[in-house]
Amino acid sequence: MCDRRSVRLMRVTEGRSAAAVPPVPESPLASTVLERLTAAYGSAADPERAVAMRAYMKDVAPFLGLTTPVRRALSRTVVAGLPHPGEADCAAVALRCWELSEREYQYFAVDYLRRHVRHCSSGLLPVVRHLVTTVPWWDTVDLLAAHVVGALVAADRGLTAELDEWIGDDDMWLARAALLHQLRYRERTDTGRLFDYCLRQSGHQDFFVRKAIGWCLREYAKTDPDAVRTFLSRHQGRFAPLSVREALKNIGA
């Protein structure tokens, strides 16, 4: 029997646009990282805590049961003494972590990409797209959007054409990632694109997209509150109450 969340994920998957799975690059460094990682994380697993963590995350994936402080401490031992990775190494680590069942391995991959995205080019975006759409949930998608996709687009504005495709994709997680990729841009925000993305998804029925609309507007309101107020006033009635409430949370109507 499927729970409600499983049914929703199946519906999302049925509507998802097809994309080739990126090949895992050859990377001796990634092999070393994965060997260390699985040994370190596996030896610290807490099966009892893992059950609670899996339930909290709505059964998105199995867990090892590592708390965030424990996981981060172990991660430091995993990468200690290793050289900085190149783009192929980053892609290989991320894709190989995504092949493992337990969610903490995917958390490691997200942290690894966040730390080393500055060494990567626009060529990493197809890999990140795969991560966003595979075993998707807010715990990985949001960090990938704000810290990895956002960094790649900031370094190569030509990638905005790809994000223009994501915002209209049937996969709601790609749409959410497109909405959130400018979260950290502040004064560098492309307001035309931000507002256009919000309008394009204003009628979406899913909580996670509606919440993302409010979140990205609320974040930009820290930079230009008048622009956000004016935008929402001009398009009054287009957005769900959740989106408007989130957008105006810190600035009022």
Protein backbone atom coordinates (compact mmCIF):
# COMPACT_ATOMS: atom_id res chain seq x y z
CA MET A 1 0.00 0.00 0.00
CA CYS A 2 1.30 3.46 -0.90
CA ASP A 3 1.06 6.36 1.52
CA ARG A 4 -0.12 9.78 0.33
CA ARG A 5 3.43 11.05 -0.14
CA SER A 6 4.36 8.03 -2.28
CA VAL A 7 1.32 8.61 -4.47
CA ARG A 8 2.27 12.26 -4.94
CA LEU A 9 5.85 11.36 -5.87
CA MET A 10 4.59 8.83 -8.40
CA ARG A 11 2.41 11.51 -9.98
CA VAL A 12 5.33 13.91 -10.11
CA THR A 13 7.51 11.23 -11.71
CA GLU A 14 4.86 10.42 -14.31
CA GLY A 15 4.86 14.07 -15.43
CA ARG A 16 8.60 14.52 -15.30
CA SER A 17 10.40 15.37 -18.50
CA ALA A 18 12.88 12.75 -19.55
CA ALA A 19 16.56 13.51 -19.13
CA ALA A 20 19.55 11.28 -19.64
CA VAL A 21 21.31 10.15 -16.47
CA PRO A 22 24.78 11.75 -16.55
CA PRO A 23 27.64 9.25 -16.71
CA VAL A 24 29.86 9.01 -13.65
CA PRO A 25 33.30 10.41 -14.58
CA GLU A 26 36.44 8.46 -13.83
CA SER A 27 37.90 9.88 -10.63
CA PRO A 28 40.45 8.22 -8.36
CA LEU A 29 39.78 11.01 -5.85
CA ALA A 30 36.08 10.18 -5.80
CA SER A 31 36.91 6.53 -5.18
CA THR A 32 39.01 7.50 -2.19
CA VAL A 33 36.30 9.80 -0.86
CA LEU A 34 33.60 7.14 -1.20
CA GLU A 35 35.75 4.47 0.41
CA ARG A 36 36.43 6.70 3.41
CA LEU A 37 32.87 7.99 3.50
CA THR A 38 31.08 4.66 3.60
CA ALA A 39 33.47 3.37 6.26
CA ALA A 40 33.12 6.45 8.47
CA TYR A 41 29.37 6.89 8.15
CA GLY A 42 28.59 3.19 8.30
CA SER A 43 30.51 2.61 11.53
CA ALA A 44 28.61 5.45 13.24
CA ALA A 45 25.12 4.39 12.18
CA ASP A 46 22.37 4.57 14.79
CA PRO A 47 19.50 2.32 13.62
CA GLU A 48 17.07 3.51 16.27
CA ARG A 49 17.59 7.18 15.40
CA ALA A 50 17.44 6.29 11.70
CA VAL A 51 13.82 5.20 12.06
CA ALA A 52 12.80 8.54 13.55
CA MET A 53 14.76 10.51 10.93
CA ARG A 54 13.15 8.58 8.09
CA ALA A 55 9.69 9.23 9.54
CA TYR A 56 10.43 12.96 9.95
CA MET A 57 11.43 13.19 6.30
CA LYS A 58 8.21 11.46 5.22
CA ASP A 59 9.95 8.25 4.16
CA VAL A 60 11.86 9.91 1.33
CA ALA A 61 14.80 7.54 1.87
CA PRO A 62 16.45 5.28 4.45
CA PHE A 63 18.74 6.97 6.97
CA LEU A 64 21.83 5.90 8.87
CA GLY A 65 20.74 7.87 11.89
CA LEU A 66 23.57 10.42 12.00
CA THR A 67 22.85 13.75 13.66
CA THR A 68 24.07 16.82 11.81
CA PRO A 69 26.99 17.53 14.22
CA VAL A 70 28.14 13.90 14.05
CA ARG A 71 27.81 13.79 10.28
CA ARG A 72 29.79 16.99 9.78
CA ALA A 73 32.54 15.85 12.11
CA LEU A 74 32.81 12.57 10.23
CA SER A 75 32.82 14.42 6.92
CA ARG A 76 35.84 16.42 8.02
CA THR A 77 37.76 13.19 8.64
CA VAL A 78 36.70 11.87 5.24
CA VAL A 79 38.24 14.76 3.30
CA ALA A 80 41.20 15.41 5.60
CA GLY A 81 44.46 15.57 3.65
CA LEU A 82 42.81 15.16 0.25
CA PRO A 83 43.46 17.57 -2.64
CA HIS A 84 40.88 20.06 -3.87
CA PRO A 85 38.63 18.37 -6.42
CA GLY A 86 38.10 19.40 -10.00
CA GLU A 87 34.76 19.39 -11.76
CA ALA A 88 34.95 15.72 -12.74
CA ASP A 89 35.74 14.78 -9.15
CA CYS A 90 32.79 16.78 -7.86
CA ALA A 91 30.44 15.19 -10.37
CA ALA A 92 31.71 11.70 -9.58
CA VAL A 93 31.38 12.14 -5.81
CA ALA A 94 27.85 13.52 -6.13
CA LEU A 95 26.59 10.92 -8.57
CA ARG A 96 28.10 8.04 -6.60
CA CYS A 97 26.61 9.36 -3.36
CA TRP A 98 23.22 9.54 -5.06
CA GLU A 99 23.57 5.85 -5.96
CA LEU A 100 23.69 4.96 -2.26
CA SER A 101 20.45 4.43 -0.41
CA GLU A 102 20.95 6.29 2.84
CA ARG A 103 20.14 9.99 2.83
CA GLU A 104 23.23 11.09 4.74
CA TYR A 105 25.39 10.20 1.74
CA GLN A 106 23.38 12.63 -0.35
CA TYR A 107 23.79 15.27 2.35
CA PHE A 108 27.55 14.75 2.10
CA ALA A 109 27.37 15.23 -1.67
CA VAL A 110 25.41 18.47 -1.30
CA ASP A 111 27.94 19.82 1.23
CA TYR A 112 30.81 18.76 -1.02
CA LEU A 113 29.34 20.57 -4.02
CA ARG A 114 28.60 23.68 -1.95
CA ARG A 115 32.22 23.80 -0.82
CA HIS A 116 33.77 23.22 -4.23
CA VAL A 117 31.31 24.65 -6.75
CA ARG A 118 33.73 27.49 -7.43
CA HIS A 119 35.99 24.93 -9.14
CA CYS A 120 33.18 23.90 -11.50
CA SER A 121 31.86 25.24 -14.80
CA SER A 122 28.45 25.34 -16.40
CA GLY A 123 29.10 21.74 -17.42
CA LEU A 124 28.09 20.62 -13.95
CA LEU A 125 24.49 21.80 -14.35
CA PRO A 126 23.18 18.57 -15.97
CA VAL A 127 24.57 16.65 -13.01
CA VAL A 128 22.83 18.99 -10.58
CA ARG A 129 19.61 18.65 -12.55
CA HIS A 130 19.82 14.90 -12.04
CA LEU A 131 20.34 15.37 -8.31
CA VAL A 132 17.38 17.74 -8.06
CA THR A 133 15.03 15.30 -9.80
CA THR A 134 16.26 12.06 -8.23
CA VAL A 135 14.95 11.15 -4.75
CA PRO A 136 13.74 14.76 -4.54
CA TRP A 137 12.69 16.44 -1.33
CA TRP A 138 13.23 19.89 0.14
CA ASP A 139 16.20 18.79 2.27
CA THR A 140 18.48 18.42 -0.77
CA VAL A 141 16.70 20.45 -3.45
CA ASP A 142 16.74 23.75 -1.54
CA LEU A 143 20.46 23.66 -0.77
CA LEU A 144 21.34 22.60 -4.30
CA ALA A 145 19.22 25.44 -5.69
CA ALA A 146 20.53 28.26 -3.52
CA HIS A 147 24.16 27.22 -3.15
CA VAL A 148 25.05 25.21 -6.26
CA VAL A 149 22.67 26.18 -9.06
CA GLY A 150 22.79 29.79 -7.90
CA ALA A 151 26.58 29.82 -7.89
CA LEU A 152 26.80 28.24 -11.35
CA VAL A 153 24.34 30.73 -12.85
CA ALA A 154 26.08 33.68 -11.18
CA ALA A 155 29.35 32.58 -12.78
CA ASP A 156 27.80 31.96 -16.21
CA ARG A 157 24.68 33.98 -16.94
CA GLY A 158 24.22 31.96 -20.11
CA LEU A 159 22.76 29.25 -17.88
CA THR A 160 19.65 31.37 -17.35
CA ALA A 161 18.30 29.87 -20.58
CA GLU A 162 18.34 26.47 -18.91
CA LEU A 163 16.67 27.83 -15.79
CA ASP A 164 13.99 29.35 -18.03
CA GLU A 165 13.24 25.76 -19.04
CA TRP A 166 13.26 24.48 -15.47
CA ILE A 167 10.63 26.95 -14.30
CA GLY A 168 8.14 25.60 -16.82
CA ASP A 169 8.97 21.93 -16.35
CA ASP A 170 6.33 19.46 -15.20
CA ASP A 171 8.68 18.41 -12.42
CA MET A 172 7.78 20.64 -9.49
CA TRP A 173 11.25 20.23 -7.96
CA LEU A 174 12.91 21.75 -11.01
CA ALA A 175 10.42 24.62 -10.81
CA ARG A 176 11.18 25.05 -7.10
CA ALA A 177 14.93 25.04 -7.79
CA ALA A 178 14.48 27.70 -10.48
CA LEU A 179 12.50 29.88 -8.07
CA LEU A 180 15.07 29.52 -5.31
CA HIS A 181 18.33 29.79 -7.24
CA GLN A 182 18.61 33.56 -6.66
CA LEU A 183 18.00 33.39 -2.90
CA ARG A 184 21.49 34.61 -2.07
CA TYR A 185 21.87 37.18 -4.86
CA ARG A 186 20.56 40.23 -2.99
CA GLU A 187 21.48 43.32 -5.06
CA ARG A 188 22.55 41.07 -7.95
CA THR A 189 19.05 39.62 -8.30
CA ASP A 190 17.61 39.61 -11.80
CA THR A 191 14.26 41.04 -10.68
CA GLY A 192 12.63 40.67 -14.07
CA ARG A 193 13.37 36.97 -14.09
CA LEU A 194 12.46 36.55 -10.42
CA PHE A 195 9.03 38.13 -10.88
CA ASP A 196 8.45 36.34 -14.18
CA TYR A 197 9.20 32.96 -12.59
CA CYS A 198 6.77 33.71 -9.75
CA LEU A 199 4.05 34.64 -12.22
CA ARG A 200 4.63 31.58 -14.35
CA GLN A 201 4.04 29.32 -11.36
CA SER A 202 1.44 31.45 -9.57
CA GLY A 203 -1.31 28.95 -10.30
CA HIS A 204 0.61 25.87 -9.15
CA GLN A 205 -1.39 23.75 -6.73
CA ASP A 206 1.47 22.18 -4.78
CA PHE A 207 2.51 23.47 -1.37
CA PHE A 208 6.22 23.32 -2.16
CA VAL A 209 5.97 25.55 -5.21
CA ARG A 210 3.64 28.03 -3.51
CA LYS A 211 5.98 28.15 -0.51
CA ALA A 212 8.99 28.70 -2.78
CA ILE A 213 7.29 31.67 -4.45
CA GLY A 214 6.77 33.30 -1.07
CA TRP A 215 10.26 32.44 0.11
CA CYS A 216 12.11 33.91 -2.88
CA LEU A 217 10.00 37.08 -2.72
CA ARG A 218 10.52 37.38 1.04
CA GLU A 219 14.27 37.05 0.58
CA TYR A 220 14.37 39.71 -2.13
CA ALA A 221 12.21 41.97 0.03
CA LYS A 222 15.20 42.27 2.36
CA THR A 223 16.89 44.13 -0.50
CA ASP A 224 13.96 45.99 -2.07
CA PRO A 225 10.74 45.73 -0.05
CA ASP A 226 8.92 48.34 -2.15
CA ALA A 227 9.50 46.36 -5.32
CA VAL A 228 7.98 43.24 -3.75
CA ARG A 229 4.98 45.14 -2.38
CA THR A 230 4.39 46.79 -5.76
CA PHE A 231 4.70 43.50 -7.61
CA LEU A 232 2.18 41.74 -5.38
CA SER A 233 -0.21 44.68 -5.49
CA ARG A 234 -0.05 44.82 -9.28
CA HIS A 235 -0.84 41.12 -9.51
CA GLN A 236 -3.31 40.90 -6.67
CA GLY A 237 -5.36 37.74 -6.88
CA ARG A 238 -2.79 35.80 -8.93
CA PHE A 239 -1.03 34.21 -5.96
CA ALA A 240 -2.13 31.75 -3.30
CA PRO A 241 -2.55 33.24 0.19
CA LEU A 242 0.39 31.12 1.36
CA SER A 243 2.71 32.75 -1.19
CA VAL A 244 1.57 36.27 -0.31
CA ARG A 245 1.79 35.64 3.43
CA GLU A 246 5.33 34.31 3.13
CA ALA A 247 6.43 37.13 0.84
CA LEU A 248 5.17 39.86 3.18
CA LYS A 249 6.12 38.18 6.44
CA ASN A 250 8.88 40.64 7.31
CA ILE A 251 7.68 43.79 5.56
CA GLY A 252 3.90 43.86 5.90
CA ALA A 253 1.40 44.91 3.27
